[in-house]
Amino acid sequence: MKSELSMMVVAIICAALLILGHVIIIETLAYYTWAEWTAGAIPFVLFFMAWASIRHCRAKERAEERQNQH
C-alpha cells in the first residue's frame, strides 16, 4: 500500500510539472530568464523521476520474488 501511495504522489507531481511547464510558457512569462530555465529543466526532472520510479518498482519486485522463493 505504501509503495502504491508513493507512486501516486510521483504521478501527481509529474502532472503538476507538466501543467507548470505549459503555464510558464504563456506570452507574459515567456521572456523571463527564470521561466526559460524552468521550462528547460522540467523534461530532465520528469526523466529523472521516471528513472527513479522504475528503479524503485524493480527493487520492490525483486524483494517480493526473493520473499516468495523462501
N, C-alpha and C. Protein backbone atom coordinates (compact mmCIF):
# COMPACT_ATOMS: atom_id res chain seq x y z
N MET A 1 0.83 -1.20 0.00
CA MET A 1 0.00 0.00 0.00
C MET A 1 0.87 1.26 0.00
N LYS A 2 1.94 1.23 0.79
CA LYS A 2 2.82 2.39 0.87
C LYS A 2 3.50 2.67 -0.47
N SER A 3 3.88 1.60 -1.17
CA SER A 3 4.54 1.75 -2.46
C SER A 3 3.58 2.36 -3.50
N GLU A 4 2.34 1.89 -3.50
CA GLU A 4 1.37 2.43 -4.43
C GLU A 4 1.08 3.90 -4.15
N LEU A 5 1.04 4.24 -2.87
CA LEU A 5 0.79 5.62 -2.50
C LEU A 5 1.93 6.53 -2.94
N SER A 6 3.16 6.06 -2.80
CA SER A 6 4.29 6.87 -3.23
C SER A 6 4.31 7.03 -4.75
N MET A 7 3.90 6.00 -5.48
CA MET A 7 3.84 6.12 -6.94
C MET A 7 2.72 7.08 -7.36
N MET A 8 1.64 7.12 -6.60
CA MET A 8 0.57 8.08 -6.89
C MET A 8 1.06 9.51 -6.67
N VAL A 9 1.85 9.71 -5.63
CA VAL A 9 2.42 11.03 -5.36
C VAL A 9 3.35 11.45 -6.50
N VAL A 10 4.15 10.52 -6.98
CA VAL A 10 5.05 10.80 -8.11
C VAL A 10 4.23 11.17 -9.34
N ALA A 11 3.14 10.45 -9.60
CA ALA A 11 2.31 10.75 -10.76
C ALA A 11 1.67 12.13 -10.65
N ILE A 12 1.24 12.50 -9.46
CA ILE A 12 0.64 13.82 -9.26
C ILE A 12 1.67 14.92 -9.45
N ILE A 13 2.88 14.70 -8.95
CA ILE A 13 3.96 15.68 -9.15
C ILE A 13 4.29 15.83 -10.63
N CYS A 14 4.34 14.72 -11.35
CA CYS A 14 4.61 14.78 -12.79
C CYS A 14 3.52 15.56 -13.52
N ALA A 15 2.28 15.31 -13.17
CA ALA A 15 1.17 16.05 -13.79
C ALA A 15 1.28 17.54 -13.48
N ALA A 16 1.62 17.87 -12.24
CA ALA A 16 1.77 19.28 -11.86
C ALA A 16 2.92 19.94 -12.62
N LEU A 17 4.01 19.21 -12.83
CA LEU A 17 5.13 19.75 -13.60
C LEU A 17 4.75 20.00 -15.04
N LEU A 18 3.96 19.09 -15.62
CA LEU A 18 3.50 19.30 -16.99
C LEU A 18 2.61 20.53 -17.10
N ILE A 19 1.72 20.70 -16.15
CA ILE A 19 0.86 21.88 -16.14
C ILE A 19 1.69 23.14 -15.95
N LEU A 20 2.64 23.11 -15.02
CA LEU A 20 3.51 24.25 -14.78
C LEU A 20 4.28 24.61 -16.05
N GLY A 21 4.77 23.62 -16.76
CA GLY A 21 5.50 23.87 -17.99
C GLY A 21 4.67 24.59 -19.02
N HIS A 22 3.40 24.26 -19.10
CA HIS A 22 2.52 24.94 -20.05
C HIS A 22 2.15 26.34 -19.57
N VAL A 23 2.01 26.50 -18.27
CA VAL A 23 1.63 27.81 -17.74
C VAL A 23 2.76 28.82 -17.89
N ILE A 24 4.01 28.41 -17.67
CA ILE A 24 5.10 29.38 -17.70
C ILE A 24 5.52 29.76 -19.12
N ILE A 25 5.01 29.07 -20.12
CA ILE A 25 5.38 29.49 -21.48
C ILE A 25 4.33 30.41 -22.09
N ILE A 26 3.38 30.89 -21.27
CA ILE A 26 2.43 31.87 -21.80
C ILE A 26 3.18 33.15 -22.13
N GLU A 27 2.61 33.94 -22.97
CA GLU A 27 3.30 35.10 -23.54
C GLU A 27 3.82 36.08 -22.49
N THR A 28 3.10 36.25 -21.40
CA THR A 28 3.53 37.24 -20.40
C THR A 28 4.76 36.78 -19.61
N LEU A 29 4.99 35.49 -19.51
CA LEU A 29 6.13 34.98 -18.75
C LEU A 29 7.25 34.43 -19.62
N ALA A 30 6.99 34.24 -20.88
CA ALA A 30 7.91 33.50 -21.75
C ALA A 30 9.28 34.16 -21.89
N TYR A 31 9.38 35.43 -21.67
CA TYR A 31 10.66 36.12 -21.91
C TYR A 31 11.48 36.36 -20.65
N TYR A 32 11.01 35.86 -19.52
CA TYR A 32 11.80 35.93 -18.30
C TYR A 32 12.81 34.78 -18.29
N THR A 33 14.00 35.07 -17.81
CA THR A 33 15.06 34.07 -17.80
C THR A 33 14.69 32.89 -16.92
N TRP A 34 14.12 33.15 -15.75
CA TRP A 34 13.77 32.06 -14.85
C TRP A 34 12.73 31.14 -15.48
N ALA A 35 11.82 31.70 -16.26
CA ALA A 35 10.79 30.88 -16.91
C ALA A 35 11.42 29.98 -17.98
N GLU A 36 12.37 30.54 -18.72
CA GLU A 36 13.04 29.74 -19.75
C GLU A 36 13.83 28.59 -19.13
N TRP A 37 14.54 28.89 -18.05
CA TRP A 37 15.33 27.85 -17.38
C TRP A 37 14.43 26.78 -16.75
N THR A 38 13.34 27.23 -16.16
CA THR A 38 12.41 26.27 -15.55
C THR A 38 11.77 25.39 -16.61
N ALA A 39 11.33 26.00 -17.70
CA ALA A 39 10.72 25.21 -18.78
C ALA A 39 11.74 24.24 -19.39
N GLY A 40 12.98 24.64 -19.45
CA GLY A 40 14.02 23.76 -19.98
C GLY A 40 14.38 22.63 -19.04
N ALA A 41 14.24 22.86 -17.74
CA ALA A 41 14.62 21.84 -16.75
C ALA A 41 13.53 20.80 -16.52
N ILE A 42 12.29 21.14 -16.79
CA ILE A 42 11.17 20.24 -16.48
C ILE A 42 11.31 18.88 -17.16
N PRO A 43 11.66 18.79 -18.45
CA PRO A 43 11.81 17.44 -19.04
C PRO A 43 12.88 16.60 -18.36
N PHE A 44 13.95 17.22 -17.91
CA PHE A 44 15.00 16.48 -17.22
C PHE A 44 14.53 15.99 -15.85
N VAL A 45 13.76 16.80 -15.16
CA VAL A 45 13.20 16.40 -13.87
C VAL A 45 12.24 15.23 -14.07
N LEU A 46 11.40 15.33 -15.10
CA LEU A 46 10.46 14.24 -15.39
C LEU A 46 11.20 12.95 -15.75
N PHE A 47 12.25 13.06 -16.53
CA PHE A 47 13.04 11.89 -16.90
C PHE A 47 13.67 11.25 -15.66
N PHE A 48 14.23 12.08 -14.78
CA PHE A 48 14.83 11.55 -13.55
C PHE A 48 13.79 10.88 -12.67
N MET A 49 12.61 11.49 -12.55
CA MET A 49 11.56 10.90 -11.72
C MET A 49 11.10 9.56 -12.30
N ALA A 50 10.99 9.47 -13.62
CA ALA A 50 10.60 8.21 -14.24
C ALA A 50 11.66 7.15 -14.01
N TRP A 51 12.92 7.52 -14.18
CA TRP A 51 14.03 6.58 -13.96
C TRP A 51 14.05 6.08 -12.52
N ALA A 52 13.89 7.00 -11.57
CA ALA A 52 13.90 6.62 -10.16
C ALA A 52 12.69 5.75 -9.81
N SER A 53 11.55 6.03 -10.40
CA SER A 53 10.35 5.22 -10.14
C SER A 53 10.51 3.81 -10.67
N ILE A 54 11.10 3.68 -11.84
CA ILE A 54 11.33 2.36 -12.41
C ILE A 54 12.29 1.57 -11.54
N ARG A 55 13.36 2.20 -11.08
CA ARG A 55 14.32 1.51 -10.20
C ARG A 55 13.65 1.09 -8.89
N HIS A 56 12.81 1.96 -8.36
CA HIS A 56 12.10 1.66 -7.11
C HIS A 56 11.18 0.46 -7.29
N CYS A 57 10.42 0.46 -8.37
CA CYS A 57 9.49 -0.65 -8.62
C CYS A 57 10.24 -1.95 -8.89
N ARG A 58 11.33 -1.86 -9.61
CA ARG A 58 12.12 -3.06 -9.89
C ARG A 58 12.70 -3.64 -8.60
N ALA A 59 13.16 -2.79 -7.71
CA ALA A 59 13.70 -3.26 -6.43
C ALA A 59 12.61 -3.90 -5.59
N LYS A 60 11.43 -3.31 -5.57
CA LYS A 60 10.31 -3.88 -4.82
C LYS A 60 9.93 -5.24 -5.38
N GLU A 61 9.90 -5.34 -6.71
CA GLU A 61 9.55 -6.60 -7.35
C GLU A 61 10.56 -7.70 -7.02
N ARG A 62 11.83 -7.37 -7.07
CA ARG A 62 12.87 -8.35 -6.74
C ARG A 62 12.79 -8.79 -5.29
N ALA A 63 12.50 -7.85 -4.40
CA ALA A 63 12.36 -8.20 -2.99
C ALA A 63 11.17 -9.13 -2.77
N GLU A 64 10.07 -8.88 -3.47
CA GLU A 64 8.91 -9.76 -3.35
C GLU A 64 9.21 -11.14 -3.91
N GLU A 65 9.96 -11.21 -5.03
CA GLU A 65 10.33 -12.51 -5.60
C GLU A 65 11.21 -13.30 -4.64
N ARG A 66 12.17 -12.62 -4.01
CA ARG A 66 13.04 -13.29 -3.05
C ARG A 66 12.25 -13.81 -1.86
N GLN A 67 11.28 -13.01 -1.42
CA GLN A 67 10.47 -13.40 -0.28
C GLN A 67 9.59 -14.60 -0.62
N ASN A 68 9.08 -14.65 -1.84
CA ASN A 68 8.21 -15.76 -2.25
C ASN A 68 9.00 -17.03 -2.50
N GLN A 69 10.28 -16.93 -2.82
CA GLN A 69 11.09 -18.12 -3.06
C GLN A 69 11.42 -18.85 -1.77
N HIS A 70 11.49 -18.15 -0.67
CA HIS A 70 11.89 -18.78 0.59
C HIS A 70 10.72 -19.23 1.38
